N, C-alpha and C. Protein backbone atom coordinates (compact mmCIF):
# COMPACT_ATOMS: atom_id res chain seq x y z
N MET A 1 13.91 13.02 7.80
CA MET A 1 15.89 12.93 7.64
C MET A 1 15.70 13.01 6.09
N GLN A 2 15.20 12.22 5.30
CA GLN A 2 15.42 11.75 4.02
C GLN A 2 15.15 12.92 3.05
N LYS A 3 14.32 13.84 3.57
CA LYS A 3 14.07 15.37 2.21
C LYS A 3 15.61 15.95 2.63
N ILE A 4 15.82 15.93 4.14
CA ILE A 4 17.06 16.80 4.16
C ILE A 4 18.17 16.26 3.72
N PHE A 5 18.26 14.84 3.49
CA PHE A 5 19.21 14.27 2.97
C PHE A 5 19.53 14.79 1.32
N PHE A 6 18.48 14.62 0.72
CA PHE A 6 18.07 14.88 -0.42
C PHE A 6 18.68 16.28 -0.90
N THR A 7 18.17 17.44 -0.20
CA THR A 7 18.41 18.85 -0.53
C THR A 7 19.60 19.43 0.19
N ALA A 8 20.46 18.51 0.94
CA ALA A 8 21.27 19.07 1.73
C ALA A 8 22.57 19.01 0.33
N PRO A 9 23.64 20.34 0.76
CA PRO A 9 24.71 20.86 -0.18
C PRO A 9 25.06 19.26 -0.59
N ARG A 10 25.99 19.31 -1.54
CA ARG A 10 27.15 18.35 -2.08
C ARG A 10 28.12 18.36 -1.00
N SER A 11 28.90 18.83 -0.55
CA SER A 11 29.61 19.15 0.22
C SER A 11 29.62 18.87 1.51
N HIS A 12 28.04 19.04 2.30
CA HIS A 12 27.75 17.99 3.54
C HIS A 12 27.59 16.72 3.30
N LEU A 13 27.07 16.64 2.35
CA LEU A 13 27.07 15.29 1.94
C LEU A 13 28.02 14.39 1.97
N GLU A 14 29.40 15.01 1.34
CA GLU A 14 30.68 14.14 1.10
C GLU A 14 30.87 14.10 2.57
N ARG A 15 30.82 14.53 3.24
CA ARG A 15 31.15 14.39 4.56
C ARG A 15 30.98 13.18 5.63
N ILE A 16 29.78 12.78 5.29
CA ILE A 16 29.32 11.57 5.83
C ILE A 16 29.96 10.51 5.59
N GLU A 17 30.24 9.76 6.86
CA GLU A 17 31.26 8.72 6.32
C GLU A 17 30.67 7.52 5.85
N GLY A 18 30.95 7.02 4.80
CA GLY A 18 30.52 5.68 4.21
C GLY A 18 30.04 6.15 2.84
N LEU A 19 29.64 8.07 2.96
CA LEU A 19 29.22 8.12 1.50
C LEU A 19 29.98 8.14 0.17
N GLY A 20 30.73 9.33 0.39
CA GLY A 20 31.89 9.36 -0.87
C GLY A 20 31.50 9.45 -1.90
N LYS A 21 31.90 10.56 -2.85
CA LYS A 21 31.67 11.12 -3.92
C LYS A 21 31.40 10.46 -5.04
N MET A 22 31.58 9.40 -5.04
CA MET A 22 30.37 8.65 -6.00
C MET A 22 29.03 8.27 -5.56
N ARG A 23 28.95 8.02 -4.69
CA ARG A 23 27.29 7.88 -4.12
C ARG A 23 26.76 9.47 -4.12
N VAL A 24 27.26 10.49 -3.71
CA VAL A 24 26.89 11.88 -3.60
C VAL A 24 26.82 12.02 -4.95
N ASN A 25 27.55 11.83 -5.76
CA ASN A 25 26.92 12.14 -7.10
C ASN A 25 25.93 11.50 -7.94
N SER A 26 25.88 10.22 -7.42
CA SER A 26 24.38 9.64 -8.04
C SER A 26 23.19 10.11 -7.41
N ILE A 27 23.35 10.46 -5.92
CA ILE A 27 22.26 11.15 -5.57
C ILE A 27 21.82 12.59 -6.33
N LYS A 28 23.04 13.30 -6.26
CA LYS A 28 22.62 14.95 -7.03
C LYS A 28 22.29 14.76 -7.97
N GLY A 29 22.77 13.85 -9.20
CA GLY A 29 22.70 13.46 -10.25
C GLY A 29 21.14 12.90 -10.85
N PHE A 30 20.33 12.55 -10.12
CA PHE A 30 19.41 11.51 -10.20
C PHE A 30 18.11 12.24 -10.93
N THR A 31 17.85 12.23 -12.20
CA THR A 31 16.71 12.71 -12.70
C THR A 31 15.25 11.95 -13.18
N ASP A 32 15.10 10.68 -12.86
CA ASP A 32 14.32 9.73 -13.46
C ASP A 32 13.44 9.68 -12.15
N PHE A 33 12.40 10.56 -12.10
CA PHE A 33 11.36 10.83 -11.30
C PHE A 33 10.40 9.81 -11.36
N ALA A 34 10.03 9.35 -12.87
CA ALA A 34 9.04 8.69 -13.15
C ALA A 34 9.18 7.21 -12.61
N GLU A 35 10.60 6.64 -12.65
CA GLU A 35 11.09 5.46 -12.36
C GLU A 35 10.77 5.18 -11.17
N ALA A 36 11.24 6.47 -10.34
CA ALA A 36 11.13 6.56 -8.71
C ALA A 36 9.73 6.56 -8.25
N GLU A 37 9.11 6.73 -9.06
CA GLU A 37 7.18 6.87 -8.42
C GLU A 37 6.64 5.46 -8.91
N ALA A 38 7.28 5.07 -9.91
CA ALA A 38 6.64 3.73 -10.36
C ALA A 38 7.21 2.89 -9.17
N GLU A 39 8.94 2.75 -8.77
CA GLU A 39 9.22 2.06 -7.60
C GLU A 39 8.35 2.34 -6.25
N ILE A 40 8.01 3.77 -6.32
CA ILE A 40 6.94 3.78 -4.90
C ILE A 40 5.56 3.23 -5.06
N ASN A 41 5.12 3.08 -6.18
CA ASN A 41 3.88 2.62 -6.29
C ASN A 41 4.03 1.08 -5.67
N PHE A 42 5.01 0.52 -6.64
CA PHE A 42 5.56 -1.08 -6.38
C PHE A 42 5.51 -1.32 -5.02
N ILE A 43 6.34 -0.39 -4.28
CA ILE A 43 6.45 -0.94 -2.70
C ILE A 43 5.04 -1.10 -2.13
N GLU A 44 4.71 0.32 -2.04
CA GLU A 44 3.38 0.30 -1.23
C GLU A 44 2.57 -0.76 -1.59
N LYS A 45 1.87 -0.96 -2.80
CA LYS A 45 0.96 -1.93 -3.06
C LYS A 45 1.64 -3.16 -2.63
N GLN A 46 2.79 -4.07 -2.81
CA GLN A 46 3.34 -4.90 -2.15
C GLN A 46 3.49 -5.09 -0.97
N LYS A 47 3.43 -4.10 -0.14
CA LYS A 47 3.84 -3.86 1.48
C LYS A 47 5.24 -4.01 1.52
N ILE A 48 6.09 -3.93 0.64
CA ILE A 48 7.65 -3.83 1.00
C ILE A 48 8.08 -2.46 1.65
N LYS A 49 8.82 -2.74 2.50
CA LYS A 49 9.24 -1.97 3.29
C LYS A 49 10.79 -1.33 2.95
N PRO A 50 10.74 0.21 2.66
CA PRO A 50 12.35 0.41 2.09
C PRO A 50 12.97 0.80 3.77
N ILE A 51 14.38 0.29 3.32
CA ILE A 51 15.30 0.81 4.87
C ILE A 51 16.36 1.31 4.28
N PHE A 52 16.06 3.03 4.44
CA PHE A 52 17.24 4.01 4.25
C PHE A 52 18.65 3.70 4.54
N LEU A 53 19.45 4.24 4.20
CA LEU A 53 21.27 4.20 4.74
C LEU A 53 21.18 4.59 6.10
N LEU A 54 20.25 5.88 6.24
CA LEU A 54 20.39 6.42 7.70
C LEU A 54 19.27 6.27 8.88
N ASP A 55 18.39 5.09 8.17
CA ASP A 55 17.31 4.46 8.85
C ASP A 55 18.00 3.97 10.27
N ALA A 56 17.18 4.15 11.60
CA ALA A 56 17.68 3.44 12.30
C ALA A 56 17.88 1.73 12.56
N ASP A 57 16.96 1.39 11.63
CA ASP A 57 16.84 -0.13 11.26
C ASP A 57 17.89 -0.71 10.13
N TYR A 58 18.45 0.16 9.36
CA TYR A 58 19.33 -0.30 8.48
C TYR A 58 20.83 -1.35 9.22
N PRO A 59 20.96 -2.26 8.49
CA PRO A 59 22.00 -3.08 9.55
C PRO A 59 23.52 -2.32 9.30
N LYS A 60 23.43 -2.14 11.02
CA LYS A 60 24.92 -1.37 11.10
C LYS A 60 26.04 -2.01 10.39
N ARG A 61 25.87 -3.29 10.53
CA ARG A 61 27.17 -4.09 9.78
C ARG A 61 27.67 -3.31 8.67
N LEU A 62 26.51 -3.35 7.70
CA LEU A 62 26.37 -2.94 6.21
C LEU A 62 27.61 -1.58 5.94
N LEU A 63 27.46 -0.60 7.21
CA LEU A 63 27.86 0.47 7.40
C LEU A 63 29.77 0.20 7.03
N HIS A 64 30.19 -0.82 7.29
CA HIS A 64 31.26 -1.09 7.36
C HIS A 64 31.61 -1.24 5.78
N CYS A 65 30.73 -1.50 5.08
CA CYS A 65 31.13 -1.87 3.55
C CYS A 65 31.55 -0.37 2.77
N TYR A 66 32.85 -0.67 1.97
CA TYR A 66 33.05 0.77 1.20
C TYR A 66 31.62 0.92 0.33
N ASP A 67 31.05 -0.25 0.06
CA ASP A 67 29.99 0.15 -1.39
C ASP A 67 28.64 -0.44 -0.60
N SER A 68 28.19 -0.08 0.97
CA SER A 68 27.18 -0.48 1.34
C SER A 68 25.82 0.43 0.56
N PRO A 69 24.93 -0.81 0.60
CA PRO A 69 23.65 -0.21 -0.38
C PRO A 69 23.16 1.06 0.33
N THR A 70 22.41 1.89 -0.82
CA THR A 70 21.88 3.66 0.16
C THR A 70 20.88 2.89 0.01
N LEU A 71 19.89 1.75 -0.25
CA LEU A 71 18.41 1.47 0.27
C LEU A 71 18.40 0.01 0.16
N LEU A 72 17.59 -0.35 0.85
CA LEU A 72 17.44 -1.83 0.95
C LEU A 72 16.03 -2.03 0.82
N TYR A 73 15.10 -3.40 0.14
CA TYR A 73 14.11 -3.28 0.39
C TYR A 73 13.67 -4.71 1.04
N SER A 74 12.59 -4.95 1.78
CA SER A 74 12.44 -5.96 2.56
C SER A 74 10.94 -6.29 2.86
N LYS A 75 10.72 -7.53 3.02
CA LYS A 75 9.29 -7.80 3.22
C LYS A 75 9.39 -9.02 4.12
N GLY A 76 8.66 -8.41 5.40
CA GLY A 76 8.79 -9.27 6.56
C GLY A 76 9.55 -8.16 7.42
N GLU A 77 9.33 -8.91 8.71
CA GLU A 77 9.97 -8.14 9.83
C GLU A 77 11.45 -9.26 10.42
N THR A 78 12.25 -8.41 10.97
CA THR A 78 13.49 -8.92 11.83
C THR A 78 14.15 -7.94 12.43
N ASP A 79 14.85 -8.06 13.41
CA ASP A 79 16.10 -7.59 13.81
C ASP A 79 17.31 -7.26 13.01
N LEU A 80 17.67 -6.51 12.11
CA LEU A 80 18.85 -6.60 11.18
C LEU A 80 20.08 -6.49 12.32
N ASN A 81 19.60 -5.99 13.18
CA ASN A 81 21.08 -5.23 14.20
C ASN A 81 21.09 -5.99 15.66
N THR A 82 20.70 -7.35 15.11
CA THR A 82 20.52 -7.90 16.67
C THR A 82 22.04 -8.53 16.67
N SER A 83 22.45 -9.13 17.94
CA SER A 83 23.65 -9.24 18.19
C SER A 83 24.40 -10.51 17.72
N LYS A 84 23.21 -11.49 17.70
CA LYS A 84 23.51 -13.11 17.22
C LYS A 84 23.22 -13.38 15.72
N ILE A 85 24.18 -13.54 14.78
CA ILE A 85 23.78 -13.45 13.43
C ILE A 85 24.77 -14.69 12.94
N ILE A 86 24.28 -15.39 12.05
CA ILE A 86 25.04 -16.30 11.19
C ILE A 86 24.69 -16.48 9.48
N SER A 87 25.64 -16.36 8.68
CA SER A 87 25.15 -16.37 7.53
C SER A 87 25.87 -17.86 6.98
N ILE A 88 24.84 -18.44 6.22
CA ILE A 88 24.98 -20.34 6.17
C ILE A 88 24.93 -20.03 4.29
N VAL A 89 26.17 -20.19 3.47
CA VAL A 89 25.94 -20.58 2.52
C VAL A 89 26.67 -21.76 2.28
N GLY A 90 26.10 -22.14 0.95
CA GLY A 90 27.16 -23.68 0.41
C GLY A 90 26.60 -24.00 -0.77
N THR A 91 27.24 -25.34 -1.65
CA THR A 91 27.26 -25.91 -2.46
C THR A 91 25.64 -26.11 -2.82
N ARG A 92 24.88 -25.85 -4.17
CA ARG A 92 23.85 -26.34 -4.68
C ARG A 92 23.93 -27.84 -4.80
N ASN A 93 24.82 -28.39 -5.22
CA ASN A 93 25.13 -30.06 -5.54
C ASN A 93 25.24 -30.56 -4.12
N PHE A 94 24.64 -30.22 -2.86
CA PHE A 94 25.02 -30.98 -1.74
C PHE A 94 25.02 -32.53 -1.45
N THR A 95 25.72 -32.68 -0.63
CA THR A 95 25.39 -34.77 -0.25
C THR A 95 24.71 -34.71 0.91
N ALA A 96 23.96 -36.05 1.44
CA ALA A 96 23.53 -36.01 2.34
C ALA A 96 24.00 -35.64 3.73
N TYR A 97 25.17 -35.81 3.73
CA TYR A 97 26.49 -35.32 4.68
C TYR A 97 26.09 -33.82 5.15
N GLY A 98 26.19 -33.07 4.21
CA GLY A 98 26.20 -31.84 4.19
C GLY A 98 24.93 -31.49 4.53
N GLN A 99 23.73 -31.76 4.37
CA GLN A 99 22.43 -31.51 4.61
C GLN A 99 22.28 -31.68 6.10
N GLN A 100 22.82 -32.74 6.60
CA GLN A 100 22.79 -33.13 8.15
C GLN A 100 23.68 -32.28 8.69
N THR A 101 24.62 -32.23 8.48
CA THR A 101 25.55 -31.15 9.23
C THR A 101 25.16 -29.96 9.20
N CYS A 102 24.15 -29.16 8.18
CA CYS A 102 24.04 -27.95 8.29
C CYS A 102 22.71 -27.88 9.06
N ASP A 103 21.64 -29.24 9.06
CA ASP A 103 20.42 -29.00 9.82
C ASP A 103 20.98 -29.09 11.37
N LYS A 104 22.20 -30.17 11.62
CA LYS A 104 22.60 -30.09 13.08
C LYS A 104 22.96 -28.52 13.44
N ILE A 105 23.79 -28.07 12.41
CA ILE A 105 24.41 -26.69 13.15
C ILE A 105 23.45 -25.77 13.43
N VAL A 106 21.85 -25.64 12.78
CA VAL A 106 21.00 -24.47 12.84
C VAL A 106 20.42 -24.89 13.88
N GLU A 107 20.34 -26.45 14.12
CA GLU A 107 19.39 -27.05 15.42
C GLU A 107 20.25 -26.48 16.60
N GLY A 108 21.54 -26.76 16.35
CA GLY A 108 22.53 -26.28 17.89
C GLY A 108 22.23 -24.73 18.18
N LEU A 109 21.98 -24.15 16.91
CA LEU A 109 21.65 -22.31 17.25
C LEU A 109 20.70 -22.27 18.29
N GLN A 110 19.62 -23.10 18.20
CA GLN A 110 18.09 -22.56 18.76
C GLN A 110 18.26 -22.30 20.39
N ALA A 111 18.71 -22.50 20.81
CA ALA A 111 19.28 -22.31 22.42
C ALA A 111 19.50 -20.84 22.45
N LEU A 112 20.31 -20.61 21.26
CA LEU A 112 21.09 -19.25 21.21
C LEU A 112 20.39 -18.07 20.92
N ASN A 113 19.05 -18.46 19.97
CA ASN A 113 18.27 -17.58 19.23
C ASN A 113 19.60 -16.48 18.57
N VAL A 114 19.92 -17.46 17.65
CA VAL A 114 21.02 -16.57 16.17
C VAL A 114 19.89 -16.39 15.14
N LEU A 115 19.80 -15.30 14.36
CA LEU A 115 19.44 -14.90 13.46
C LEU A 115 20.23 -15.36 12.03
N VAL A 116 19.44 -16.72 10.98
CA VAL A 116 20.41 -17.16 10.56
C VAL A 116 19.80 -16.59 9.07
N VAL A 117 20.87 -16.18 8.29
CA VAL A 117 21.35 -15.31 6.89
C VAL A 117 21.67 -15.94 5.95
N SER A 118 20.71 -16.49 4.76
CA SER A 118 21.19 -17.02 3.76
C SER A 118 20.84 -16.32 2.34
N GLY A 119 20.72 -16.99 1.25
CA GLY A 119 20.39 -16.79 -0.51
C GLY A 119 19.67 -17.14 -1.00
N LEU A 120 18.88 -17.78 -0.29
CA LEU A 120 17.66 -18.49 -0.70
C LEU A 120 18.13 -19.06 -2.25
N ALA A 121 19.47 -19.44 -2.12
CA ALA A 121 19.65 -20.37 -3.56
C ALA A 121 19.19 -21.83 -3.38
N TYR A 122 19.33 -22.80 -4.15
CA TYR A 122 19.41 -23.99 -4.39
C TYR A 122 20.29 -24.53 -3.40
N GLY A 123 20.24 -25.79 -2.69
CA GLY A 123 21.10 -26.56 -2.05
C GLY A 123 21.08 -25.74 -0.64
N ILE A 124 22.47 -25.91 -0.09
CA ILE A 124 22.59 -25.18 1.20
C ILE A 124 21.58 -23.94 1.81
N ASP A 125 21.67 -23.34 0.89
CA ASP A 125 21.28 -21.90 1.33
C ASP A 125 19.42 -22.55 1.70
N THR A 126 18.73 -23.23 0.96
CA THR A 126 17.44 -23.68 0.91
C THR A 126 17.17 -24.60 2.37
N ILE A 127 18.36 -25.63 2.53
CA ILE A 127 18.24 -26.24 3.54
C ILE A 127 18.35 -25.44 4.83
N ALA A 128 19.00 -24.37 5.06
CA ALA A 128 19.50 -23.70 5.93
C ALA A 128 18.07 -22.74 6.48
N HIS A 129 17.71 -21.97 5.52
CA HIS A 129 16.27 -21.31 5.76
C HIS A 129 15.43 -22.55 6.30
N LYS A 130 15.38 -23.81 5.64
CA LYS A 130 13.98 -24.66 6.10
C LYS A 130 14.39 -24.77 7.67
N ALA A 131 15.72 -25.17 7.85
CA ALA A 131 16.08 -25.49 8.89
C ALA A 131 15.88 -24.76 10.17
N ALA A 132 16.04 -23.40 9.93
CA ALA A 132 15.91 -22.38 11.11
C ALA A 132 14.42 -21.84 11.16
N LEU A 133 13.41 -22.20 10.04
CA LEU A 133 11.91 -22.21 10.18
C LEU A 133 11.91 -23.57 11.07
N ARG A 134 11.88 -24.49 10.83
CA ARG A 134 11.39 -25.65 11.83
C ARG A 134 12.43 -25.38 13.37
N ASN A 135 13.16 -24.92 13.44
CA ASN A 135 13.67 -24.84 14.69
C ASN A 135 13.15 -23.30 15.22
N ASN A 136 12.43 -22.54 14.77
CA ASN A 136 11.65 -21.45 14.92
C ASN A 136 12.72 -20.20 15.39
N LEU A 137 13.90 -20.31 14.10
CA LEU A 137 15.13 -19.61 14.35
C LEU A 137 14.56 -18.47 13.30
N GLN A 138 14.47 -16.99 13.26
CA GLN A 138 14.42 -16.19 12.57
C GLN A 138 15.17 -16.32 11.32
N THR A 139 14.97 -16.08 10.19
CA THR A 139 15.70 -16.08 9.27
C THR A 139 15.50 -14.92 7.89
N VAL A 140 16.87 -14.41 7.42
CA VAL A 140 16.68 -13.73 6.18
C VAL A 140 17.23 -14.14 5.13
N ALA A 141 16.30 -14.15 3.77
CA ALA A 141 16.96 -14.65 2.86
C ALA A 141 17.29 -13.11 1.86
N VAL A 142 18.52 -13.40 1.70
CA VAL A 142 19.11 -11.96 0.74
C VAL A 142 19.10 -12.61 -0.70
N VAL A 143 18.24 -12.02 -1.38
CA VAL A 143 18.31 -12.14 -2.47
C VAL A 143 18.71 -11.13 -3.83
N ALA A 144 19.41 -11.57 -4.86
CA ALA A 144 19.73 -10.85 -5.91
C ALA A 144 19.20 -10.37 -7.25
N HIS A 145 18.11 -10.32 -6.83
CA HIS A 145 16.66 -9.49 -7.90
C HIS A 145 15.85 -8.65 -7.27
N GLY A 146 14.95 -8.02 -8.02
CA GLY A 146 14.04 -7.22 -7.18
C GLY A 146 13.04 -8.11 -6.82
N LEU A 147 12.32 -7.80 -5.91
CA LEU A 147 11.22 -8.18 -5.06
C LEU A 147 10.01 -8.49 -5.56
N ASP A 148 9.79 -8.63 -7.03
CA ASP A 148 8.78 -8.65 -7.81
C ASP A 148 8.73 -9.95 -8.45
N ARG A 149 9.76 -10.89 -8.12
CA ARG A 149 10.09 -12.36 -8.12
C ARG A 149 10.87 -13.16 -7.33
N ILE A 150 10.65 -14.14 -7.13
CA ILE A 150 11.86 -15.24 -6.49
C ILE A 150 12.67 -16.06 -7.51
N TYR A 151 13.51 -16.32 -7.15
CA TYR A 151 14.57 -17.19 -7.78
C TYR A 151 15.27 -17.73 -7.02
N PRO A 152 15.52 -19.29 -7.08
CA PRO A 152 14.84 -19.89 -8.14
C PRO A 152 13.43 -19.83 -7.39
N PRO A 153 12.55 -20.00 -8.82
CA PRO A 153 10.63 -19.90 -8.92
C PRO A 153 10.54 -21.23 -7.56
N GLN A 154 11.21 -22.23 -7.58
CA GLN A 154 10.83 -23.54 -6.71
C GLN A 154 10.41 -22.93 -5.15
N ASN A 155 11.33 -21.84 -4.84
CA ASN A 155 11.37 -21.21 -3.69
C ASN A 155 10.71 -20.21 -3.04
N THR A 156 9.37 -20.15 -3.97
CA THR A 156 8.53 -18.84 -4.02
C THR A 156 7.90 -19.24 -2.38
N GLY A 157 6.97 -20.57 -2.14
CA GLY A 157 6.74 -21.03 -1.16
C GLY A 157 7.53 -20.75 -0.01
N LEU A 158 8.40 -20.78 -0.14
CA LEU A 158 9.72 -21.01 1.34
C LEU A 158 10.15 -19.46 1.56
N SER A 159 9.97 -18.66 0.48
CA SER A 159 10.08 -17.02 0.54
C SER A 159 8.87 -16.61 1.47
N LYS A 160 7.45 -17.03 1.10
CA LYS A 160 6.59 -16.46 1.90
C LYS A 160 6.63 -17.26 3.28
N ASP A 161 6.93 -18.12 3.35
CA ASP A 161 7.38 -18.74 4.63
C ASP A 161 8.17 -17.82 5.55
N ILE A 162 9.21 -17.76 5.09
CA ILE A 162 10.22 -16.54 5.67
C ILE A 162 9.87 -15.42 6.19
N THR A 163 9.12 -14.71 5.17
CA THR A 163 8.25 -13.27 5.64
C THR A 163 7.31 -13.71 6.66
N GLU A 164 6.99 -14.67 7.07
CA GLU A 164 6.05 -15.03 8.41
C GLU A 164 7.67 -15.30 9.81
N GLN A 165 8.54 -15.42 9.51
CA GLN A 165 9.24 -15.65 10.66
C GLN A 165 10.48 -15.33 10.40
N GLY A 166 10.53 -13.70 9.38
CA GLY A 166 11.73 -13.24 9.19
C GLY A 166 11.73 -12.41 8.12
N MET A 167 12.34 -12.46 7.35
CA MET A 167 12.65 -11.25 5.99
C MET A 167 13.12 -11.70 4.87
N VAL A 168 12.47 -11.45 3.49
CA VAL A 168 13.22 -11.33 2.41
C VAL A 168 13.55 -9.94 1.83
N LEU A 169 15.14 -10.06 1.54
CA LEU A 169 16.24 -8.34 1.25
C LEU A 169 16.81 -8.56 0.45
N THR A 170 16.22 -7.45 0.18
CA THR A 170 17.33 -6.99 -1.19
C THR A 170 17.97 -5.60 -1.46
N GLU A 171 18.51 -5.39 -2.49
CA GLU A 171 19.19 -3.79 -2.39
C GLU A 171 18.75 -3.60 -3.77
N PHE A 172 17.97 -4.70 -4.57
CA PHE A 172 17.57 -4.11 -6.25
C PHE A 172 16.26 -3.87 -6.18
N ARG A 173 15.74 -3.17 -7.05
CA ARG A 173 14.64 -2.59 -7.33
C ARG A 173 13.67 -3.56 -8.11
N GLN A 174 12.71 -3.21 -8.48
CA GLN A 174 11.68 -4.39 -9.43
C GLN A 174 12.32 -3.92 -10.78
N LYS A 175 11.89 -5.29 -11.40
CA LYS A 175 12.52 -5.58 -12.70
C LYS A 175 14.05 -5.82 -12.75
N VAL A 176 14.72 -5.80 -11.88
CA VAL A 176 15.96 -6.66 -11.79
C VAL A 176 15.60 -8.02 -11.81
N LYS A 177 16.43 -8.51 -12.80
CA LYS A 177 16.96 -10.02 -13.00
C LYS A 177 17.55 -10.41 -12.09
N PRO A 178 17.57 -11.66 -11.41
CA PRO A 178 18.75 -12.73 -11.13
C PRO A 178 19.91 -12.82 -11.82
N ASP A 179 20.47 -11.90 -12.13
CA ASP A 179 21.71 -12.12 -13.44
C ASP A 179 23.23 -12.22 -12.73
N ARG A 180 23.72 -12.78 -13.52
CA ARG A 180 25.26 -13.53 -12.57
C ARG A 180 25.94 -12.57 -12.16
N GLN A 181 26.01 -11.35 -12.48
CA GLN A 181 27.04 -10.39 -11.66
C GLN A 181 26.13 -10.11 -10.49
N ASN A 182 24.71 -10.21 -10.14
CA ASN A 182 24.03 -9.51 -8.73
C ASN A 182 24.30 -10.46 -7.71
N PHE A 183 24.87 -11.59 -8.00
CA PHE A 183 25.28 -12.29 -6.74
C PHE A 183 26.50 -12.20 -6.25
N PRO A 184 27.46 -11.86 -6.89
CA PRO A 184 28.60 -11.40 -5.93
C PRO A 184 28.19 -10.19 -5.03
N GLN A 185 27.34 -9.31 -5.68
CA GLN A 185 27.29 -8.05 -4.59
C GLN A 185 26.14 -8.19 -3.92
N ARG A 186 24.91 -9.33 -3.98
CA ARG A 186 24.53 -9.93 -2.99
C ARG A 186 24.95 -10.30 -1.91
N ASN A 187 26.13 -10.95 -2.14
CA ASN A 187 26.85 -11.71 -0.94
C ASN A 187 27.47 -10.71 -0.08
N ARG A 188 27.65 -9.82 -0.20
CA ARG A 188 28.24 -8.70 0.76
C ARG A 188 27.37 -7.95 1.88
N ILE A 189 26.02 -8.68 1.72
CA ILE A 189 24.86 -8.36 2.28
C ILE A 189 24.70 -9.24 3.47
């Protein structure tokens, strides 16, 4: 399917709902094949699974975003199209009450087998992921950088635990740093 996508005429691609002229121009104008080969080698070596926009396991909810990512990079396994998903985000400077509330909410979701999505950031995001793991719920950490690093570095161990019971997910290729502008872009996922 991917081969057909890249060799299809521009006019056919522009008719695919959700692509638009800007994304088609980006695809058709691509010339940096050396960097693409380096990326392919990296994802193979690191056992990262790419999820393409037209793949069956691409998150269907993202297709409703006008700027949905063409490619996602994932480490771990979970169903991104499950019917019950909750996103939990919050402050980095949480209170004891905030922690207790987050723990209680996630614990209450255990019987419903809900997928917990958060951003692996300090604070409530970290608490939400840990609570999901403790309650045997799958969790997805959506990060704002490439999978050649984990930010914050203190959550490296947590990210490994998440890949055992869920997934670390990003739209950013290797060598992309966790720069400020990446976080709002990450948040739509």
